[in-house]
Amino acid sequence: MSKKASSPLKVKEVNRYEFVESEILSHPEDEKEFNHLYMGSLDGFDYVSVRSNQYRIPSDQLELEKTFPLTQDGKWVRMRIHFSHVKI
């Protein structure tokens, strides 16, 4: 677990596969539902919130087509991170 100095949130830094292991394996419904919230991007990371947990995942691992700067205003985009792909 680490926190980058420029990050305004307390988040767990993970790669996509660690995210899948910690969230999707224990919540298989996430593979069918858009339960993840994309919070924005900052300094090469995409920020995701799910079940009151916040994560930062290297942007090159999610390869999102549309991004926006990290925001805390709650106007986040529902998405689904799957084992092999991301859907928004």
Protein backbone atom coordinates (compact mmCIF):
# COMPACT_ATOMS: atom_id res chain seq x y z
CA MET A 1 0.00 0.00 0.00
CA SER A 2 1.37 3.36 -0.91
CA LYS A 3 0.22 6.92 -1.29
CA LYS A 4 1.73 9.31 -3.81
CA ALA A 5 2.31 12.78 -2.41
CA SER A 6 0.22 14.47 -5.12
CA SER A 7 -2.74 12.14 -4.57
CA PRO A 8 -5.56 13.87 -2.65
CA LEU A 9 -7.14 10.57 -1.56
CA LYS A 10 -6.16 7.68 0.66
CA VAL A 11 -6.23 4.76 -1.71
CA LYS A 12 -4.74 1.35 -2.11
CA GLU A 13 -2.37 1.13 -5.06
CA VAL A 14 -2.87 -2.12 -6.97
CA ASN A 15 -2.39 -3.46 -10.45
CA ARG A 16 -5.45 -4.63 -12.38
CA TYR A 17 -4.91 -8.26 -11.42
CA GLU A 18 -4.64 -7.42 -7.70
CA PHE A 19 -7.89 -5.46 -8.05
CA VAL A 20 -9.56 -8.48 -9.64
CA GLU A 21 -8.31 -10.72 -6.83
CA SER A 22 -9.36 -8.40 -4.01
CA GLU A 23 -12.73 -7.26 -5.38
CA ILE A 24 -14.07 -9.35 -8.24
CA LEU A 25 -13.23 -12.83 -6.98
CA SER A 26 -15.05 -12.12 -3.72
CA HIS A 27 -17.93 -10.35 -5.53
CA PRO A 28 -18.64 -12.27 -8.75
CA GLU A 29 -21.70 -10.09 -9.43
CA ASP A 30 -19.23 -7.36 -10.45
CA GLU A 31 -18.50 -9.23 -13.66
CA LYS A 32 -22.06 -8.60 -14.84
CA GLU A 33 -22.90 -5.29 -13.19
CA PHE A 34 -21.37 -1.83 -13.47
CA ASN A 35 -20.46 -1.69 -9.76
CA HIS A 36 -17.14 0.16 -10.04
CA LEU A 37 -16.96 3.94 -10.10
CA TYR A 38 -14.29 5.64 -12.18
CA MET A 39 -13.24 8.72 -10.18
CA GLY A 40 -10.79 10.17 -12.68
CA SER A 41 -7.09 10.01 -13.49
CA LEU A 42 -4.00 11.64 -12.01
CA ASP A 43 -0.26 11.20 -12.58
CA GLY A 44 -0.52 8.01 -14.63
CA PHE A 45 -3.13 6.29 -12.45
CA ASP A 46 -6.87 5.70 -12.82
CA TYR A 47 -8.85 5.91 -9.59
CA VAL A 48 -11.70 3.51 -8.88
CA SER A 49 -14.14 3.29 -5.97
CA VAL A 50 -16.07 0.15 -5.07
CA ARG A 51 -17.84 -0.77 -1.81
CA SER A 52 -16.25 2.15 0.09
CA ASN A 53 -12.78 1.06 -1.02
CA GLN A 54 -10.71 3.30 -3.24
CA TYR A 55 -7.97 2.05 -5.54
CA ARG A 56 -5.47 3.50 -7.95
CA ILE A 57 -4.51 1.35 -10.90
CA PRO A 58 -1.83 2.22 -13.48
CA SER A 59 -3.60 3.86 -16.43
CA ASP A 60 -1.84 1.68 -18.97
CA GLN A 61 -3.46 -1.39 -17.39
CA LEU A 62 -7.04 -0.16 -17.81
CA GLU A 63 -6.60 1.57 -21.19
CA LEU A 64 -9.72 3.72 -20.81
CA GLU A 65 -10.92 5.43 -23.98
CA LYS A 66 -12.24 8.51 -22.17
CA THR A 67 -10.69 9.93 -19.03
CA PHE A 68 -11.03 13.07 -16.96
CA PRO A 69 -8.99 14.60 -14.11
CA LEU A 70 -9.44 13.01 -10.68
CA THR A 71 -12.37 14.58 -8.87
CA GLN A 72 -13.89 14.23 -5.43
CA ASP A 73 -17.25 15.74 -6.37
CA GLY A 74 -18.99 12.36 -6.66
CA LYS A 75 -19.84 12.83 -10.35
CA TRP A 76 -18.13 9.59 -11.21
CA VAL A 77 -18.73 7.18 -14.07
CA ARG A 78 -20.06 3.68 -13.50
CA MET A 79 -17.85 1.04 -15.05
CA ARG A 80 -17.05 -2.65 -14.92
CA ILE A 81 -13.55 -4.01 -14.59
CA HIS A 82 -13.45 -7.59 -15.80
CA PHE A 83 -10.72 -10.20 -15.81
CA SER A 84 -9.81 -9.40 -19.40
CA HIS A 85 -11.34 -6.00 -20.23
CA VAL A 86 -12.99 -2.82 -19.01
CA LYS A 87 -16.48 -1.62 -19.97
CA ILE A 88 -17.86 1.89 -19.45
